[in-house]
Amino acid sequence: MKNIPSSLSLAKKVSALTKASAFSFALLLFSVITGFAQCGKDVVLTSSKTEYLNAEGAVQRTVEEDCVIKVGKSEVTISPSGHDKMTGSITSTACEWKQPFKEGKTTLEAKFKDEKGEESNATITIEGKDGKITCLMKEKEKPDRIIRVTIVKFEEQTTDSKF
């Protein structure tokens, strides 16, 4: 007679496989949830240097200045020291982080209005790579100029504080 596994041992194997699959799924779900945990939250980014790049990405000028960037659900505020504050309405957001605040990217489309009433449209990309976060701003009306800041401080905005 051939060695046929009993139904009990087959049931144990199926049960073990099901548990392993459930555990793998739970790990995957946890990493997706924590990766997206920062998406949709209000954050404050601080930098100490602004780089102005040309359309090819070559640095044209570097300015040592503090800048605070506040990103909310519906608006973004950029406050460089010594310059006027810029506030824009966020028109779209794409957010995907593999490791919160370290590896991933958020891309925002925003419409800014200056104190003279002139509007500009910009794409703001906040990207984390190897634990370093940078922020790029490209204005559609000035395609030959890109602004890049390296983030030195990253904070989640609490609900009791306002922009």
C-alpha atoms as a PDB file:
ATOM      1  CA  MET A   1       0.000   0.000   0.000  1.00  0.00           C
ATOM      2  CA  LYS A   2       1.284   3.457  -0.912  1.00  0.00           C
ATOM      3  CA  ASN A   3       2.121   5.978   1.746  1.00  0.00           C
ATOM      4  CA  ILE A   4      -0.938   8.284   1.509  1.00  0.00           C
ATOM      5  CA  PRO A   5      -1.029  11.214   3.920  1.00  0.00           C
ATOM      6  CA  SER A   6      -3.900  11.071   6.315  1.00  0.00           C
ATOM      7  CA  SER A   7      -6.536  13.754   6.070  1.00  0.00           C
ATOM      8  CA  LEU A   8      -5.435  14.977   9.489  1.00  0.00           C
ATOM      9  CA  SER A   9      -1.853  15.651   8.368  1.00  0.00           C
ATOM     10  CA  LEU A  10      -3.106  17.294   5.155  1.00  0.00           C
ATOM     11  CA  ALA A  11      -5.395  19.527   7.215  1.00  0.00           C
ATOM     12  CA  LYS A  12      -2.429  20.556   9.402  1.00  0.00           C
ATOM     13  CA  LYS A  13      -0.399  21.486   6.303  1.00  0.00           C
ATOM     14  CA  VAL A  14      -3.266  23.537   4.860  1.00  0.00           C
ATOM     15  CA  SER A  15      -3.769  25.221   8.234  1.00  0.00           C
ATOM     16  CA  ALA A  16      -0.037  26.058   8.495  1.00  0.00           C
ATOM     17  CA  LEU A  17      -0.038  27.426   4.930  1.00  0.00           C
ATOM     18  CA  THR A  18      -3.121  29.527   5.656  1.00  0.00           C
ATOM     19  CA  LYS A  19      -1.537  30.937   8.822  1.00  0.00           C
ATOM     20  CA  ALA A  20       1.682  31.788   6.925  1.00  0.00           C
ATOM     21  CA  SER A  21      -0.333  33.503   4.167  1.00  0.00           C
ATOM     22  CA  ALA A  22      -2.373  35.446   6.718  1.00  0.00           C
ATOM     23  CA  PHE A  23       0.799  36.536   8.524  1.00  0.00           C
ATOM     24  CA  SER A  24       2.411  37.654   5.222  1.00  0.00           C
ATOM     25  CA  PHE A  25      -0.725  39.579   4.315  1.00  0.00           C
ATOM     26  CA  ALA A  26      -0.788  41.244   7.750  1.00  0.00           C
ATOM     27  CA  LEU A  27       2.848  42.348   7.331  1.00  0.00           C
ATOM     28  CA  LEU A  28       2.118  43.743   3.872  1.00  0.00           C
ATOM     29  CA  LEU A  29      -0.965  45.570   5.130  1.00  0.00           C
ATOM     30  CA  PHE A  30       0.994  47.021   8.078  1.00  0.00           C
ATOM     31  CA  SER A  31       3.750  48.348   5.782  1.00  0.00           C
ATOM     32  CA  VAL A  32       1.187  49.911   3.425  1.00  0.00           C
ATOM     33  CA  ILE A  33      -0.711  51.531   6.303  1.00  0.00           C
ATOM     34  CA  THR A  34       2.430  52.929   7.946  1.00  0.00           C
ATOM     35  CA  GLY A  35       3.783  54.044   4.567  1.00  0.00           C
ATOM     36  CA  PHE A  36       0.638  56.026   3.909  1.00  0.00           C
ATOM     37  CA  ALA A  37       0.344  57.173   7.523  1.00  0.00           C
ATOM     38  CA  GLN A  38       1.821  60.566   6.737  1.00  0.00           C
ATOM     39  CA  CYS A  39      -0.380  61.070   3.681  1.00  0.00           C
ATOM     40  CA  GLY A  40      -3.236  63.418   4.448  1.00  0.00           C
ATOM     41  CA  LYS A  41      -1.589  64.807   7.581  1.00  0.00           C
ATOM     42  CA  ASP A  42      -0.548  68.409   8.086  1.00  0.00           C
ATOM     43  CA  VAL A  43       3.241  68.743   8.147  1.00  0.00           C
ATOM     44  CA  VAL A  44       5.795  71.488   8.707  1.00  0.00           C
ATOM     45  CA  LEU A  45       9.108  71.276   6.840  1.00  0.00           C
ATOM     46  CA  THR A  46      12.064  73.524   7.650  1.00  0.00           C
ATOM     47  CA  SER A  47      15.131  74.161   5.497  1.00  0.00           C
ATOM     48  CA  SER A  48      18.198  76.365   5.882  1.00  0.00           C
ATOM     49  CA  LYS A  49      19.365  76.622   2.259  1.00  0.00           C
ATOM     50  CA  THR A  50      17.599  77.375  -1.033  1.00  0.00           C
ATOM     51  CA  GLU A  51      19.046  76.329  -4.372  1.00  0.00           C
ATOM     52  CA  TYR A  52      17.863  77.802  -7.657  1.00  0.00           C
ATOM     53  CA  LEU A  53      18.250  75.399 -10.562  1.00  0.00           C
ATOM     54  CA  ASN A  54      17.843  75.810 -14.304  1.00  0.00           C
ATOM     55  CA  ALA A  55      15.527  73.617 -16.394  1.00  0.00           C
ATOM     56  CA  GLU A  56      18.274  70.987 -16.717  1.00  0.00           C
ATOM     57  CA  GLY A  57      18.690  70.782 -12.930  1.00  0.00           C
ATOM     58  CA  ALA A  58      22.061  72.557 -12.699  1.00  0.00           C
ATOM     59  CA  VAL A  59      22.483  74.830  -9.658  1.00  0.00           C
ATOM     60  CA  GLN A  60      22.542  78.497 -10.710  1.00  0.00           C
ATOM     61  CA  ARG A  61      22.527  80.099  -7.273  1.00  0.00           C
ATOM     62  CA  THR A  62      22.493  79.067  -3.613  1.00  0.00           C
ATOM     63  CA  VAL A  63      21.094  81.216  -0.805  1.00  0.00           C
ATOM     64  CA  GLU A  64      21.596  80.474   2.904  1.00  0.00           C
ATOM     65  CA  GLU A  65      18.161  81.241   4.317  1.00  0.00           C
ATOM     66  CA  ASP A  66      15.632  79.618   6.582  1.00  0.00           C
ATOM     67  CA  CYS A  67      12.384  78.561   4.987  1.00  0.00           C
ATOM     68  CA  VAL A  68       9.287  77.009   6.556  1.00  0.00           C
ATOM     69  CA  ILE A  69       6.905  75.039   4.357  1.00  0.00           C
ATOM     70  CA  LYS A  70       3.535  74.106   5.846  1.00  0.00           C
ATOM     71  CA  VAL A  71       1.482  71.541   3.986  1.00  0.00           C
ATOM     72  CA  GLY A  72      -2.131  71.009   4.950  1.00  0.00           C
ATOM     73  CA  LYS A  73      -4.976  69.129   3.340  1.00  0.00           C
ATOM     74  CA  SER A  74      -6.097  72.070   1.205  1.00  0.00           C
ATOM     75  CA  GLU A  75      -3.282  74.636   1.253  1.00  0.00           C
ATOM     76  CA  VAL A  76       0.474  75.002   1.260  1.00  0.00           C
ATOM     77  CA  THR A  77       2.347  77.962   2.760  1.00  0.00           C
ATOM     78  CA  ILE A  78       5.964  78.784   1.936  1.00  0.00           C
ATOM     79  CA  SER A  79       7.670  81.303   4.235  1.00  0.00           C
ATOM     80  CA  PRO A  80      11.280  82.066   3.256  1.00  0.00           C
ATOM     81  CA  SER A  81      13.057  84.416   5.675  1.00  0.00           C
ATOM     82  CA  GLY A  82      13.365  87.915   4.248  1.00  0.00           C
ATOM     83  CA  HIS A  83      10.718  87.321   1.540  1.00  0.00           C
ATOM     84  CA  ASP A  84       6.946  87.499   1.308  1.00  0.00           C
ATOM     85  CA  LYS A  85       5.003  84.453   2.406  1.00  0.00           C
ATOM     86  CA  MET A  86       3.350  82.505  -0.412  1.00  0.00           C
ATOM     87  CA  THR A  87       0.091  80.624   0.152  1.00  0.00           C
ATOM     88  CA  GLY A  88      -1.411  78.314  -2.425  1.00  0.00           C
ATOM     89  CA  SER A  89      -4.531  76.220  -2.762  1.00  0.00           C
ATOM     90  CA  ILE A  90      -3.751  72.555  -3.315  1.00  0.00           C
ATOM     91  CA  THR A  91      -5.563  71.304  -6.414  1.00  0.00           C
ATOM     92  CA  SER A  92      -4.256  67.713  -6.405  1.00  0.00           C
ATOM     93  CA  THR A  93      -2.095  65.429  -4.303  1.00  0.00           C
ATOM     94  CA  ALA A  94      -0.304  62.148  -4.958  1.00  0.00           C
ATOM     95  CA  CYS A  95       1.316  60.514  -1.946  1.00  0.00           C
ATOM     96  CA  GLU A  96       3.277  57.281  -1.705  1.00  0.00           C
ATOM     97  CA  TRP A  97       5.779  56.539   1.027  1.00  0.00           C
ATOM     98  CA  LYS A  98       7.427  53.148   1.535  1.00  0.00           C
ATOM     99  CA  GLN A  99       8.908  54.218   4.868  1.00  0.00           C
ATOM    100  CA  PRO A 100       7.290  57.215   6.565  1.00  0.00           C
ATOM    101  CA  PHE A 101       9.347  60.411   6.401  1.00  0.00           C
ATOM    102  CA  LYS A 102      12.378  58.550   4.932  1.00  0.00           C
ATOM    103  CA  GLU A 103      11.605  56.821   1.606  1.00  0.00           C
ATOM    104  CA  GLY A 104       8.844  57.996  -0.701  1.00  0.00           C
ATOM    105  CA  LYS A 105       7.275  60.952  -2.410  1.00  0.00           C
ATOM    106  CA  THR A 106       4.416  63.432  -2.217  1.00  0.00           C
ATOM    107  CA  THR A 107       3.557  65.505  -5.270  1.00  0.00           C
ATOM    108  CA  LEU A 108       1.260  68.514  -4.930  1.00  0.00           C
ATOM    109  CA  GLU A 109      -0.253  70.738  -7.590  1.00  0.00           C
ATOM    110  CA  ALA A 110      -1.042  74.175  -6.175  1.00  0.00           C
ATOM    111  CA  LYS A 111      -2.325  77.537  -7.355  1.00  0.00           C
ATOM    112  CA  PHE A 112      -0.623  80.534  -5.733  1.00  0.00           C
ATOM    113  CA  LYS A 113      -1.779  84.153  -5.699  1.00  0.00           C
ATOM    114  CA  ASP A 114       0.656  86.940  -4.805  1.00  0.00           C
ATOM    115  CA  GLU A 115      -0.168  90.225  -3.082  1.00  0.00           C
ATOM    116  CA  LYS A 116      -0.681  91.895  -6.504  1.00  0.00           C
ATOM    117  CA  GLY A 117      -3.335  89.311  -7.370  1.00  0.00           C
ATOM    118  CA  GLU A 118      -1.206  87.526  -9.972  1.00  0.00           C
ATOM    119  CA  GLU A 119      -1.670  83.768 -10.081  1.00  0.00           C
ATOM    120  CA  SER A 120       0.904  81.068 -10.688  1.00  0.00           C
ATOM    121  CA  ASN A 121       0.625  77.302 -10.820  1.00  0.00           C
ATOM    122  CA  ALA A 122       3.291  75.091  -9.286  1.00  0.00           C
ATOM    123  CA  THR A 123       4.185  71.475  -8.785  1.00  0.00           C
ATOM    124  CA  ILE A 124       5.773  70.778  -5.410  1.00  0.00           C
ATOM    125  CA  THR A 125       7.519  67.465  -4.931  1.00  0.00           C
ATOM    126  CA  ILE A 126       8.581  66.346  -1.450  1.00  0.00           C
ATOM    127  CA  GLU A 127      10.833  63.330  -1.767  1.00  0.00           C
ATOM    128  CA  GLY A 128      12.626  61.144   0.726  1.00  0.00           C
ATOM    129  CA  LYS A 129      15.589  59.131  -0.461  1.00  0.00           C
ATOM    130  CA  ASP A 130      18.127  57.381   1.781  1.00  0.00           C
ATOM    131  CA  GLY A 131      16.633  59.224   4.777  1.00  0.00           C
ATOM    132  CA  LYS A 132      17.206  62.686   3.196  1.00  0.00           C
ATOM    133  CA  ILE A 133      14.140  64.798   2.357  1.00  0.00           C
ATOM    134  CA  THR A 134      14.177  67.411  -0.409  1.00  0.00           C
ATOM    135  CA  CYS A 135      11.474  69.671  -1.740  1.00  0.00           C
ATOM    136  CA  LEU A 136      11.351  70.856  -5.372  1.00  0.00           C
ATOM    137  CA  MET A 137       9.080  73.605  -6.670  1.00  0.00           C
ATOM    138  CA  LYS A 138       8.486  74.105 -10.393  1.00  0.00           C
ATOM    139  CA  GLU A 139       6.290  76.969 -11.524  1.00  0.00           C
ATOM    140  CA  LYS A 140       4.475  76.328 -14.786  1.00  0.00           C
ATOM    141  CA  GLU A 141       4.837  80.002 -15.720  1.00  0.00           C
ATOM    142  CA  LYS A 142       8.639  79.881 -15.174  1.00  0.00           C
ATOM    143  CA  PRO A 143       9.711  76.485 -16.575  1.00  0.00           C
ATOM    144  CA  ASP A 144      13.383  77.516 -16.681  1.00  0.00           C
ATOM    145  CA  ARG A 145      13.570  77.897 -12.883  1.00  0.00           C
ATOM    146  CA  ILE A 146      13.352  75.158 -10.260  1.00  0.00           C
ATOM    147  CA  ILE A 147      13.671  75.832  -6.537  1.00  0.00           C
ATOM    148  CA  ARG A 148      15.113  73.083  -4.314  1.00  0.00           C
ATOM    149  CA  VAL A 149      15.420  73.008  -0.543  1.00  0.00           C
ATOM    150  CA  THR A 150      16.840  70.241   1.630  1.00  0.00           C
ATOM    151  CA  ILE A 151      14.685  69.641   4.673  1.00  0.00           C
ATOM    152  CA  VAL A 152      16.547  69.812   7.996  1.00  0.00           C
ATOM    153  CA  LYS A 153      13.490  69.460  10.245  1.00  0.00           C
ATOM    154  CA  PHE A 154      10.224  67.617   9.688  1.00  0.00           C
ATOM    155  CA  GLU A 155       7.244  67.834  12.045  1.00  0.00           C
ATOM    156  CA  GLU A 156       3.713  66.615  11.953  1.00  0.00           C
ATOM    157  CA  GLN A 157       1.386  69.563  12.555  1.00  0.00           C
ATOM    158  CA  THR A 158      -0.793  68.926  15.598  1.00  0.00           C
ATOM    159  CA  THR A 159      -4.507  69.623  15.527  1.00  0.00           C
ATOM    160  CA  ASP A 160      -4.315  72.276  18.251  1.00  0.00           C
ATOM    161  CA  SER A 161      -1.836  74.433  16.311  1.00  0.00           C
ATOM    162  CA  LYS A 162      -2.800  76.258  13.149  1.00  0.00           C
ATOM    163  CA  PHE A 163      -0.892  77.426  10.110  1.00  0.00           C
END
